[in-house]
Amino acid sequence: MAKRLESPSSINTFKQCKRKYYYQYIEKLPTSSSIHLVRGNIAHSVLEDFYDINIADFNEENYQLKFKEAIQKLLLYQWNKYKSGLDELELSPDQITFYFEETMFMLMNWCNQFLEEFDRMRKEKDISMGETFMKLTPIRELQYKSEEHHVRGFIDAIQHTENEVHIIDYKTNAKFDFKQSIKLQLAIYSMMYYEKHGKMPNKVGIFFLRQKLRMMDVDMNLIEMAKKEITEVHEHTSSCEHAHEYPRTITPLCKWRTGECNFYAVCKPKETNEEQERMIFEEKNRTSEKIEIKENKSKLSAFF
């Protein structure tokens, strides 16, 4: 099988549960949306559009209020833009209000920290509001693709700070935690940036919108880790094409109090095990071979 074009999400899915990867990326079974996915897209769109606002009428008396108003207006705009996606979730009015207010809280938290950095830079460099805003404006939603490693991804923000390059991803996660899946995502971004530009970013990190920005240094060990993990996925997916070759990882993420994995019904983790699946697959193969032999015999008989 040819190499698939992977992404940080697909690679992390493979590491979380190979069977889930099989259903989502090989069989391409449909998946359902969720409020967390839709709300995450809304928050990302707000932060992407924030740096396009016109600050010509901002002044010393009103700039903080104006920035906060801009965030609020952008959220209202994006929330209405995603209305059809929100309606499909069939949430109650109280639930919609809760998630809207929670998203507003996260974005205002981000805005307050943006203003702190805005004020710090203006004071240190003694520059205008317009110049400060321009210097703080990152490169946004840029796609990177590694031809060598067959992986691609969209980077939320690339910030050029003095003589350094910082790669930043936004997360609405509740936990302020650099878990392994996040480190791998950042490692892959670092590798793709290095491959394209011939130099490593200095730092990569996550802006946890409920808390704050958390960064880590980039070195060759991080980039080599990304290459190793990508290679392992390609080696497996290039040689395996059947469900039983993608073992389940049964964890509380299969089914929990308020939901279940998109593929829980087809996966049936509590009803069959890997050995049973292998035997079923082999029996199907034997049956197919018998049918094929019988059909070939019939063709030969008709010919003579």
C-alpha atoms as a PDB file:
ATOM      1  CA  MET A   1       0.000   0.000   0.000  1.00  0.00           C
ATOM      2  CA  ALA A   2       1.156   3.543  -0.731  1.00  0.00           C
ATOM      3  CA  LYS A   3       1.989   5.881   2.120  1.00  0.00           C
ATOM      4  CA  ARG A   4      -0.936   7.919   3.394  1.00  0.00           C
ATOM      5  CA  LEU A   5      -0.536  11.653   3.849  1.00  0.00           C
ATOM      6  CA  GLU A   6      -0.684  11.873   7.631  1.00  0.00           C
ATOM      7  CA  SER A   7      -1.336  14.767   9.999  1.00  0.00           C
ATOM      8  CA  PRO A   8      -0.594  15.349  13.678  1.00  0.00           C
ATOM      9  CA  SER A   9      -4.223  14.410  14.407  1.00  0.00           C
ATOM     10  CA  SER A  10      -4.114  11.129  12.457  1.00  0.00           C
ATOM     11  CA  ILE A  11      -0.769  10.161  14.005  1.00  0.00           C
ATOM     12  CA  ASN A  12      -2.056  10.842  17.507  1.00  0.00           C
ATOM     13  CA  THR A  13      -5.205   8.840  16.705  1.00  0.00           C
ATOM     14  CA  PHE A  14      -2.996   5.915  15.627  1.00  0.00           C
ATOM     15  CA  LYS A  15      -1.092   6.107  18.907  1.00  0.00           C
ATOM     16  CA  GLN A  16      -4.291   6.386  20.952  1.00  0.00           C
ATOM     17  CA  CYS A  17      -6.060   3.457  19.272  1.00  0.00           C
ATOM     18  CA  LYS A  18      -5.031   1.764  16.031  1.00  0.00           C
ATOM     19  CA  ARG A  19      -8.560   0.469  15.455  1.00  0.00           C
ATOM     20  CA  LYS A  20      -9.976   3.981  15.706  1.00  0.00           C
ATOM     21  CA  TYR A  21      -7.360   5.085  13.148  1.00  0.00           C
ATOM     22  CA  TYR A  22      -8.457   2.245  10.843  1.00  0.00           C
ATOM     23  CA  TYR A  23     -12.122   3.186  10.981  1.00  0.00           C
ATOM     24  CA  GLN A  24     -11.500   6.919  10.566  1.00  0.00           C
ATOM     25  CA  TYR A  25      -8.676   7.088   8.031  1.00  0.00           C
ATOM     26  CA  ILE A  26      -8.760   3.807   6.107  1.00  0.00           C
ATOM     27  CA  GLU A  27     -12.440   2.814   6.039  1.00  0.00           C
ATOM     28  CA  LYS A  28     -13.338   6.519   6.325  1.00  0.00           C
ATOM     29  CA  LEU A  29     -16.468   5.826   8.355  1.00  0.00           C
ATOM     30  CA  PRO A  30     -18.561   8.921   9.115  1.00  0.00           C
ATOM     31  CA  THR A  31     -17.938  10.756  12.366  1.00  0.00           C
ATOM     32  CA  SER A  32     -20.264  12.971  14.351  1.00  0.00           C
ATOM     33  CA  SER A  33     -19.506  16.507  15.409  1.00  0.00           C
ATOM     34  CA  SER A  34     -19.440  17.787  18.996  1.00  0.00           C
ATOM     35  CA  ILE A  35     -19.762  21.098  20.792  1.00  0.00           C
ATOM     36  CA  HIS A  36     -16.073  20.922  21.669  1.00  0.00           C
ATOM     37  CA  LEU A  37     -15.089  20.583  18.009  1.00  0.00           C
ATOM     38  CA  VAL A  38     -17.440  23.333  16.794  1.00  0.00           C
ATOM     39  CA  ARG A  39     -16.558  25.671  19.659  1.00  0.00           C
ATOM     40  CA  GLY A  40     -12.843  25.061  19.014  1.00  0.00           C
ATOM     41  CA  ASN A  41     -13.285  26.039  15.360  1.00  0.00           C
ATOM     42  CA  ILE A  42     -15.142  29.185  16.393  1.00  0.00           C
ATOM     43  CA  ALA A  43     -12.422  30.233  18.854  1.00  0.00           C
ATOM     44  CA  HIS A  44      -9.691  29.614  16.258  1.00  0.00           C
ATOM     45  CA  SER A  45     -11.565  31.711  13.680  1.00  0.00           C
ATOM     46  CA  VAL A  46     -11.951  34.589  16.149  1.00  0.00           C
ATOM     47  CA  LEU A  47      -8.234  34.623  16.942  1.00  0.00           C
ATOM     48  CA  GLU A  48      -7.318  34.387  13.267  1.00  0.00           C
ATOM     49  CA  ASP A  49      -9.541  37.362  12.369  1.00  0.00           C
ATOM     50  CA  PHE A  50      -8.559  39.433  15.409  1.00  0.00           C
ATOM     51  CA  TYR A  51      -5.359  40.679  13.779  1.00  0.00           C
ATOM     52  CA  ASP A  52      -7.279  41.988  10.764  1.00  0.00           C
ATOM     53  CA  ILE A  53      -9.248  44.566  12.743  1.00  0.00           C
ATOM     54  CA  ASN A  54      -8.810  48.249  11.953  1.00  0.00           C
ATOM     55  CA  ILE A  55      -7.302  50.090  14.934  1.00  0.00           C
ATOM     56  CA  ALA A  56      -7.146  53.536  13.276  1.00  0.00           C
ATOM     57  CA  ASP A  57      -9.552  55.058  15.815  1.00  0.00           C
ATOM     58  CA  PHE A  58      -7.909  53.451  18.865  1.00  0.00           C
ATOM     59  CA  ASN A  59      -6.362  55.940  21.282  1.00  0.00           C
ATOM     60  CA  GLU A  60      -4.911  56.078  24.780  1.00  0.00           C
ATOM     61  CA  GLU A  61      -8.340  56.468  26.357  1.00  0.00           C
ATOM     62  CA  ASN A  62     -10.178  53.696  24.558  1.00  0.00           C
ATOM     63  CA  TYR A  63      -7.732  51.109  23.152  1.00  0.00           C
ATOM     64  CA  GLN A  64      -8.193  48.464  25.852  1.00  0.00           C
ATOM     65  CA  LEU A  65     -11.973  48.675  25.617  1.00  0.00           C
ATOM     66  CA  LYS A  66     -11.797  48.657  21.802  1.00  0.00           C
ATOM     67  CA  PHE A  67      -9.709  45.489  21.690  1.00  0.00           C
ATOM     68  CA  LYS A  68     -12.131  43.750  24.055  1.00  0.00           C
ATOM     69  CA  GLU A  69     -15.120  44.937  22.023  1.00  0.00           C
ATOM     70  CA  ALA A  70     -13.453  43.561  18.896  1.00  0.00           C
ATOM     71  CA  ILE A  71     -13.115  40.112  20.479  1.00  0.00           C
ATOM     72  CA  GLN A  72     -16.767  40.161  21.547  1.00  0.00           C
ATOM     73  CA  LYS A  73     -18.001  41.204  18.101  1.00  0.00           C
ATOM     74  CA  LEU A  74     -15.861  38.583  16.376  1.00  0.00           C
ATOM     75  CA  LEU A  75     -17.227  35.861  18.653  1.00  0.00           C
ATOM     76  CA  LEU A  76     -20.816  36.920  17.950  1.00  0.00           C
ATOM     77  CA  TYR A  77     -20.090  36.923  14.219  1.00  0.00           C
ATOM     78  CA  GLN A  78     -18.431  33.487  14.222  1.00  0.00           C
ATOM     79  CA  TRP A  79     -21.048  31.984  16.543  1.00  0.00           C
ATOM     80  CA  ASN A  80     -23.783  33.025  14.090  1.00  0.00           C
ATOM     81  CA  LYS A  81     -21.681  31.832  11.160  1.00  0.00           C
ATOM     82  CA  TYR A  82     -21.510  28.357  12.733  1.00  0.00           C
ATOM     83  CA  LYS A  83     -25.227  28.372  13.647  1.00  0.00           C
ATOM     84  CA  SER A  84     -26.129  25.446  11.388  1.00  0.00           C
ATOM     85  CA  GLY A  85     -23.353  23.336  12.903  1.00  0.00           C
ATOM     86  CA  LEU A  86     -24.496  24.274  16.404  1.00  0.00           C
ATOM     87  CA  ASP A  87     -28.132  23.494  15.568  1.00  0.00           C
ATOM     88  CA  GLU A  88     -27.164  19.996  14.394  1.00  0.00           C
ATOM     89  CA  LEU A  89     -25.895  19.224  17.902  1.00  0.00           C
ATOM     90  CA  GLU A  90     -29.444  19.627  19.267  1.00  0.00           C
ATOM     91  CA  LEU A  91     -28.301  21.249  22.487  1.00  0.00           C
ATOM     92  CA  SER A  92     -30.749  22.937  24.834  1.00  0.00           C
ATOM     93  CA  PRO A  93     -30.868  26.757  24.997  1.00  0.00           C
ATOM     94  CA  ASP A  94     -29.221  26.586  28.426  1.00  0.00           C
ATOM     95  CA  GLN A  95     -26.378  24.460  27.047  1.00  0.00           C
ATOM     96  CA  ILE A  96     -25.839  26.843  24.116  1.00  0.00           C
ATOM     97  CA  THR A  97     -25.710  29.786  26.525  1.00  0.00           C
ATOM     98  CA  PHE A  98     -23.254  27.953  28.772  1.00  0.00           C
ATOM     99  CA  TYR A  99     -20.838  27.135  25.946  1.00  0.00           C
ATOM    100  CA  PHE A 100     -21.115  30.625  24.455  1.00  0.00           C
ATOM    101  CA  GLU A 101     -20.298  32.257  27.790  1.00  0.00           C
ATOM    102  CA  GLU A 102     -17.479  29.785  28.429  1.00  0.00           C
ATOM    103  CA  THR A 103     -15.992  30.550  24.999  1.00  0.00           C
ATOM    104  CA  MET A 104     -16.297  34.271  25.677  1.00  0.00           C
ATOM    105  CA  PHE A 105     -14.476  33.801  28.979  1.00  0.00           C
ATOM    106  CA  MET A 106     -11.603  31.987  27.246  1.00  0.00           C
ATOM    107  CA  LEU A 107     -11.268  34.613  24.523  1.00  0.00           C
ATOM    108  CA  MET A 108     -11.376  37.477  27.013  1.00  0.00           C
ATOM    109  CA  ASN A 109      -8.682  35.702  29.019  1.00  0.00           C
ATOM    110  CA  TRP A 110      -6.571  35.559  25.849  1.00  0.00           C
ATOM    111  CA  CYS A 111      -7.320  39.241  25.127  1.00  0.00           C
ATOM    112  CA  ASN A 112      -6.235  40.334  28.607  1.00  0.00           C
ATOM    113  CA  GLN A 113      -2.895  38.598  28.132  1.00  0.00           C
ATOM    114  CA  PHE A 114      -2.574  40.087  24.653  1.00  0.00           C
ATOM    115  CA  LEU A 115      -3.060  43.535  26.194  1.00  0.00           C
ATOM    116  CA  GLU A 116      -0.347  42.869  28.763  1.00  0.00           C
ATOM    117  CA  GLU A 117       2.087  42.002  25.968  1.00  0.00           C
ATOM    118  CA  PHE A 118       0.856  44.967  23.918  1.00  0.00           C
ATOM    119  CA  ASP A 119       1.538  47.396  26.784  1.00  0.00           C
ATOM    120  CA  ARG A 120       4.904  45.810  27.579  1.00  0.00           C
ATOM    121  CA  MET A 121       6.140  46.103  23.999  1.00  0.00           C
ATOM    122  CA  ARG A 122       4.938  49.703  23.590  1.00  0.00           C
ATOM    123  CA  LYS A 123       6.702  50.744  26.781  1.00  0.00           C
ATOM    124  CA  GLU A 124       9.964  48.897  26.048  1.00  0.00           C
ATOM    125  CA  LYS A 125      10.257  50.015  22.426  1.00  0.00           C
ATOM    126  CA  ASP A 126       8.525  53.383  22.710  1.00  0.00           C
ATOM    127  CA  ILE A 127       6.531  52.796  19.517  1.00  0.00           C
ATOM    128  CA  SER A 128       3.023  53.633  18.313  1.00  0.00           C
ATOM    129  CA  MET A 129      -0.050  51.476  18.751  1.00  0.00           C
ATOM    130  CA  GLY A 130      -0.121  50.690  15.057  1.00  0.00           C
ATOM    131  CA  GLU A 131       3.500  49.552  14.994  1.00  0.00           C
ATOM    132  CA  THR A 132       3.030  47.499  18.150  1.00  0.00           C
ATOM    133  CA  PHE A 133      -0.031  45.782  16.713  1.00  0.00           C
ATOM    134  CA  MET A 134       1.850  45.013  13.504  1.00  0.00           C
ATOM    135  CA  LYS A 135       4.806  43.530  15.406  1.00  0.00           C
ATOM    136  CA  LEU A 136       2.489  41.327  17.468  1.00  0.00           C
ATOM    137  CA  THR A 137       0.588  40.092  14.417  1.00  0.00           C
ATOM    138  CA  PRO A 138       1.653  36.497  13.696  1.00  0.00           C
ATOM    139  CA  ILE A 139       1.561  34.529  10.476  1.00  0.00           C
ATOM    140  CA  ARG A 140      -1.757  32.679  10.825  1.00  0.00           C
ATOM    141  CA  GLU A 141      -3.255  29.356   9.726  1.00  0.00           C
ATOM    142  CA  LEU A 142      -0.370  28.416   7.470  1.00  0.00           C
ATOM    143  CA  GLN A 143      -0.250  24.922   5.982  1.00  0.00           C
ATOM    144  CA  TYR A 144       3.053  23.049   6.133  1.00  0.00           C
ATOM    145  CA  LYS A 145       3.704  19.827   4.258  1.00  0.00           C
ATOM    146  CA  SER A 146       6.664  17.461   4.416  1.00  0.00           C
ATOM    147  CA  GLU A 147       7.180  15.661   1.118  1.00  0.00           C
ATOM    148  CA  GLU A 148       9.888  13.521   2.686  1.00  0.00           C
ATOM    149  CA  HIS A 149       7.806  12.294   5.591  1.00  0.00           C
ATOM    150  CA  HIS A 150       4.329  12.439   4.026  1.00  0.00           C
ATOM    151  CA  VAL A 151       2.753  14.605   6.702  1.00  0.00           C
ATOM    152  CA  ARG A 152       1.027  17.964   6.723  1.00  0.00           C
ATOM    153  CA  GLY A 153      -0.665  20.282   9.186  1.00  0.00           C
ATOM    154  CA  PHE A 154      -1.968  23.789   9.770  1.00  0.00           C
ATOM    155  CA  ILE A 155      -0.048  25.949  12.231  1.00  0.00           C
ATOM    156  CA  ASP A 156      -2.269  28.411  14.113  1.00  0.00           C
ATOM    157  CA  ALA A 157       0.339  31.122  14.611  1.00  0.00           C
ATOM    158  CA  ILE A 158       4.009  31.741  13.837  1.00  0.00           C
ATOM    159  CA  GLN A 159       5.322  34.637  15.880  1.00  0.00           C
ATOM    160  CA  HIS A 160       8.578  36.411  15.033  1.00  0.00           C
ATOM    161  CA  THR A 161       9.803  37.841  18.312  1.00  0.00           C
ATOM    162  CA  GLU A 162      13.067  39.779  18.109  1.00  0.00           C
ATOM    163  CA  ASN A 163      15.460  37.210  16.603  1.00  0.00           C
ATOM    164  CA  GLU A 164      13.356  34.192  17.522  1.00  0.00           C
ATOM    165  CA  VAL A 165      10.601  32.191  15.862  1.00  0.00           C
ATOM    166  CA  HIS A 166       7.807  30.853  18.043  1.00  0.00           C
ATOM    167  CA  ILE A 167       5.146  28.396  16.847  1.00  0.00           C
ATOM    168  CA  ILE A 168       1.874  28.572  18.785  1.00  0.00           C
ATOM    169  CA  ASP A 169      -1.236  26.405  18.761  1.00  0.00           C
ATOM    170  CA  TYR A 170      -4.502  27.337  20.487  1.00  0.00           C
ATOM    171  CA  LYS A 171      -6.307  24.838  22.707  1.00  0.00           C
ATOM    172  CA  THR A 172      -9.627  25.031  24.531  1.00  0.00           C
ATOM    173  CA  ASN A 173      -8.616  22.060  26.722  1.00  0.00           C
ATOM    174  CA  ALA A 174      -9.628  22.186  30.348  1.00  0.00           C
ATOM    175  CA  LYS A 175      -6.263  20.832  31.507  1.00  0.00           C
ATOM    176  CA  PHE A 176      -3.121  22.970  31.520  1.00  0.00           C
ATOM    177  CA  ASP A 177      -1.085  19.923  30.591  1.00  0.00           C
ATOM    178  CA  PHE A 178       1.709  19.201  28.082  1.00  0.00           C
ATOM    179  CA  LYS A 179       0.623  15.605  27.557  1.00  0.00           C
ATOM    180  CA  GLN A 180       2.481  13.383  25.105  1.00  0.00           C
ATOM    181  CA  SER A 181       0.015  13.909  22.251  1.00  0.00           C
ATOM    182  CA  ILE A 182       0.541  17.672  22.455  1.00  0.00           C
ATOM    183  CA  LYS A 183       4.318  17.295  22.536  1.00  0.00           C
ATOM    184  CA  LEU A 184       4.143  15.096  19.447  1.00  0.00           C
ATOM    185  CA  GLN A 185       1.960  17.614  17.617  1.00  0.00           C
ATOM    186  CA  LEU A 186       4.447  20.389  18.400  1.00  0.00           C
ATOM    187  CA  ALA A 187       7.369  18.156  17.436  1.00  0.00           C
ATOM    188  CA  ILE A 188       5.791  17.527  14.017  1.00  0.00           C
ATOM    189  CA  TYR A 189       5.227  21.253  13.494  1.00  0.00           C
ATOM    190  CA  SER A 190       8.876  21.885  14.418  1.00  0.00           C
ATOM    191  CA  MET A 191      10.063  19.199  11.992  1.00  0.00           C
ATOM    192  CA  MET A 192       7.999  20.579   9.094  1.00  0.00           C
ATOM    193  CA  TYR A 193       9.194  24.132   9.799  1.00  0.00           C
ATOM    194  CA  TYR A 194      12.802  22.928   9.922  1.00  0.00           C
ATOM    195  CA  GLU A 195      12.421  20.998   6.682  1.00  0.00           C
ATOM    196  CA  LYS A 196      10.959  24.019   4.853  1.00  0.00           C
ATOM    197  CA  HIS A 197      13.156  26.804   6.217  1.00  0.00           C
ATOM    198  CA  GLY A 198      16.400  24.999   7.014  1.00  0.00           C
ATOM    199  CA  LYS A 199      16.344  26.193  10.605  1.00  0.00           C
ATOM    200  CA  MET A 200      14.505  25.175  13.726  1.00  0.00           C
ATOM    201  CA  PRO A 201      11.932  27.384  15.421  1.00  0.00           C
ATOM    202  CA  ASN A 202      13.291  28.518  18.754  1.00  0.00           C
ATOM    203  CA  LYS A 203      10.215  27.613  20.750  1.00  0.00           C
ATOM    204  CA  VAL A 204       6.879  25.868  20.276  1.00  0.00           C
ATOM    205  CA  GLY A 205       3.923  25.990  22.575  1.00  0.00           C
ATOM    206  CA  ILE A 206       0.246  25.952  23.342  1.00  0.00           C
ATOM    207  CA  PHE A 207      -1.902  28.874  24.358  1.00  0.00           C
ATOM    208  CA  PHE A 208      -4.347  27.139  26.671  1.00  0.00           C
ATOM    209  CA  LEU A 209      -7.222  29.599  26.322  1.00  0.00           C
ATOM    210  CA  ARG A 210      -8.543  28.854  29.793  1.00  0.00           C
ATOM    211  CA  GLN A 211      -5.136  29.590  31.334  1.00  0.00           C
ATOM    212  CA  LYS A 212      -2.108  30.985  29.515  1.00  0.00           C
ATOM    213  CA  LEU A 213       0.681  30.381  27.008  1.00  0.00           C
ATOM    214  CA  ARG A 214       3.073  27.527  27.738  1.00  0.00           C
ATOM    215  CA  MET A 215       6.212  27.137  25.629  1.00  0.00           C
ATOM    216  CA  MET A 216       9.084  24.688  25.287  1.00  0.00           C
ATOM    217  CA  ASP A 217      12.459  24.849  23.560  1.00  0.00           C
ATOM    218  CA  VAL A 218      13.045  23.103  20.238  1.00  0.00           C
ATOM    219  CA  ASP A 219      16.085  20.910  19.667  1.00  0.00           C
ATOM    220  CA  MET A 220      17.097  18.088  17.334  1.00  0.00           C
ATOM    221  CA  ASN A 221      15.904  15.488  19.834  1.00  0.00           C
ATOM    222  CA  LEU A 222      12.363  16.834  19.459  1.00  0.00           C
ATOM    223  CA  ILE A 223      12.578  16.748  15.667  1.00  0.00           C
ATOM    224  CA  GLU A 224      14.036  13.226  15.632  1.00  0.00           C
ATOM    225  CA  MET A 225      11.220  12.087  17.907  1.00  0.00           C
ATOM    226  CA  ALA A 226       8.700  13.382  15.355  1.00  0.00           C
ATOM    227  CA  LYS A 227      10.448  11.532  12.527  1.00  0.00           C
ATOM    228  CA  LYS A 228      10.501   8.298  14.525  1.00  0.00           C
ATOM    229  CA  GLU A 229       6.794   8.425  15.353  1.00  0.00           C
ATOM    230  CA  ILE A 230       5.816   9.284  11.756  1.00  0.00           C
ATOM    231  CA  THR A 231       7.970   6.450  10.397  1.00  0.00           C
ATOM    232  CA  GLU A 232       6.325   3.921  12.731  1.00  0.00           C
ATOM    233  CA  VAL A 233       2.877   4.917  11.488  1.00  0.00           C
ATOM    234  CA  HIS A 234       3.913   4.689   7.820  1.00  0.00           C
ATOM    235  CA  GLU A 235       5.560   1.293   8.328  1.00  0.00           C
ATOM    236  CA  HIS A 236       2.389  -0.124   9.837  1.00  0.00           C
ATOM    237  CA  THR A 237      -0.169   1.454   7.494  1.00  0.00           C
ATOM    238  CA  SER A 238       1.852   0.639   4.370  1.00  0.00           C
ATOM    239  CA  SER A 239       1.810  -3.087   5.147  1.00  0.00           C
ATOM    240  CA  CYS A 240      -1.526  -3.561   6.931  1.00  0.00           C
ATOM    241  CA  GLU A 241      -4.937  -3.090   5.343  1.00  0.00           C
ATOM    242  CA  HIS A 242      -7.380  -5.174   7.404  1.00  0.00           C
ATOM    243  CA  ALA A 243      -9.184  -4.262  10.620  1.00  0.00           C
ATOM    244  CA  HIS A 244      -7.739  -7.112  12.705  1.00  0.00           C
ATOM    245  CA  GLU A 245      -4.244  -5.775  11.941  1.00  0.00           C
ATOM    246  CA  TYR A 246      -5.160  -2.598  13.834  1.00  0.00           C
ATOM    247  CA  PRO A 247      -5.652  -3.732  17.459  1.00  0.00           C
ATOM    248  CA  ARG A 248      -8.069  -1.966  19.750  1.00  0.00           C
ATOM    249  CA  THR A 249      -6.866  -0.043  22.755  1.00  0.00           C
ATOM    250  CA  ILE A 250      -9.698  -0.432  25.251  1.00  0.00           C
ATOM    251  CA  THR A 251      -9.780   2.488  27.678  1.00  0.00           C
ATOM    252  CA  PRO A 252     -12.395   4.751  29.304  1.00  0.00           C
ATOM    253  CA  LEU A 253     -12.255   6.734  26.039  1.00  0.00           C
ATOM    254  CA  CYS A 254     -14.269   3.934  24.370  1.00  0.00           C
ATOM    255  CA  LYS A 255     -17.410   4.795  26.330  1.00  0.00           C
ATOM    256  CA  TRP A 256     -18.018   7.205  29.174  1.00  0.00           C
ATOM    257  CA  ARG A 257     -20.967   8.555  31.139  1.00  0.00           C
ATOM    258  CA  THR A 258     -21.981  11.226  28.607  1.00  0.00           C
ATOM    259  CA  GLY A 259     -20.812   9.723  25.318  1.00  0.00           C
ATOM    260  CA  GLU A 260     -18.789   7.196  23.388  1.00  0.00           C
ATOM    261  CA  CYS A 261     -16.204   6.855  20.631  1.00  0.00           C
ATOM    262  CA  ASN A 262     -17.597   7.566  17.145  1.00  0.00           C
ATOM    263  CA  PHE A 263     -16.909   3.946  16.233  1.00  0.00           C
ATOM    264  CA  TYR A 264     -18.081   2.204  19.405  1.00  0.00           C
ATOM    265  CA  ALA A 265     -21.038   0.493  17.704  1.00  0.00           C
ATOM    266  CA  VAL A 266     -18.996  -0.964  14.855  1.00  0.00           C
ATOM    267  CA  CYS A 267     -15.954  -1.717  17.010  1.00  0.00           C
ATOM    268  CA  LYS A 268     -17.877  -3.640  19.707  1.00  0.00           C
ATOM    269  CA  PRO A 269     -14.901  -3.717  22.083  1.00  0.00           C
ATOM    270  CA  LYS A 270     -16.727  -5.812  24.697  1.00  0.00           C
ATOM    271  CA  GLU A 271     -18.169  -8.392  22.289  1.00  0.00           C
ATOM    272  CA  THR A 272     -15.190  -9.671  20.283  1.00  0.00           C
ATOM    273  CA  ASN A 273     -11.461  -9.988  20.875  1.00  0.00           C
ATOM    274  CA  GLU A 274      -8.500  -9.876  18.510  1.00  0.00           C
ATOM    275  CA  GLU A 275      -8.196 -13.663  18.170  1.00  0.00           C
ATOM    276  CA  GLN A 276     -11.869 -14.039  17.280  1.00  0.00           C
ATOM    277  CA  GLU A 277     -11.538 -11.317  14.661  1.00  0.00           C
ATOM    278  CA  ARG A 278      -8.470 -12.969  13.139  1.00  0.00           C
ATOM    279  CA  MET A 279     -10.318 -16.289  12.905  1.00  0.00           C
ATOM    280  CA  ILE A 280     -13.356 -14.635  11.309  1.00  0.00           C
ATOM    281  CA  PHE A 281     -11.100 -12.907   8.761  1.00  0.00           C
ATOM    282  CA  GLU A 282      -9.315 -16.165   7.890  1.00  0.00           C
ATOM    283  CA  GLU A 283     -12.626 -17.995   7.503  1.00  0.00           C
ATOM    284  CA  LYS A 284     -13.896 -15.295   5.149  1.00  0.00           C
ATOM    285  CA  ASN A 285     -10.715 -15.632   3.109  1.00  0.00           C
ATOM    286  CA  ARG A 286     -11.111 -19.410   2.879  1.00  0.00           C
ATOM    287  CA  THR A 287     -14.739 -19.020   1.796  1.00  0.00           C
ATOM    288  CA  SER A 288     -13.752 -16.477  -0.851  1.00  0.00           C
ATOM    289  CA  GLU A 289     -11.024 -18.768  -2.170  1.00  0.00           C
ATOM    290  CA  LYS A 290     -13.490 -21.699  -2.432  1.00  0.00           C
ATOM    291  CA  ILE A 291     -15.974 -19.561  -4.335  1.00  0.00           C
ATOM    292  CA  GLU A 292     -13.239 -18.343  -6.677  1.00  0.00           C
ATOM    293  CA  ILE A 293     -12.044 -21.932  -7.357  1.00  0.00           C
ATOM    294  CA  LYS A 294     -15.608 -23.050  -8.043  1.00  0.00           C
ATOM    295  CA  GLU A 295     -16.184 -20.159 -10.447  1.00  0.00           C
ATOM    296  CA  ASN A 296     -12.931 -20.912 -12.288  1.00  0.00           C
ATOM    297  CA  LYS A 297     -13.932 -24.565 -12.661  1.00  0.00           C
ATOM    298  CA  SER A 298     -17.276 -23.529 -14.103  1.00  0.00           C
ATOM    299  CA  LYS A 299     -15.567 -21.265 -16.606  1.00  0.00           C
ATOM    300  CA  LEU A 300     -13.203 -24.037 -17.677  1.00  0.00           C
ATOM    301  CA  SER A 301     -16.090 -26.501 -18.085  1.00  0.00           C
ATOM    302  CA  ALA A 302     -17.989 -24.038 -20.235  1.00  0.00           C
ATOM    303  CA  PHE A 303     -14.897 -23.462 -22.364  1.00  0.00           C
ATOM    304  CA  PHE A 304     -14.359 -27.187 -23.105  1.00  0.00           C
END
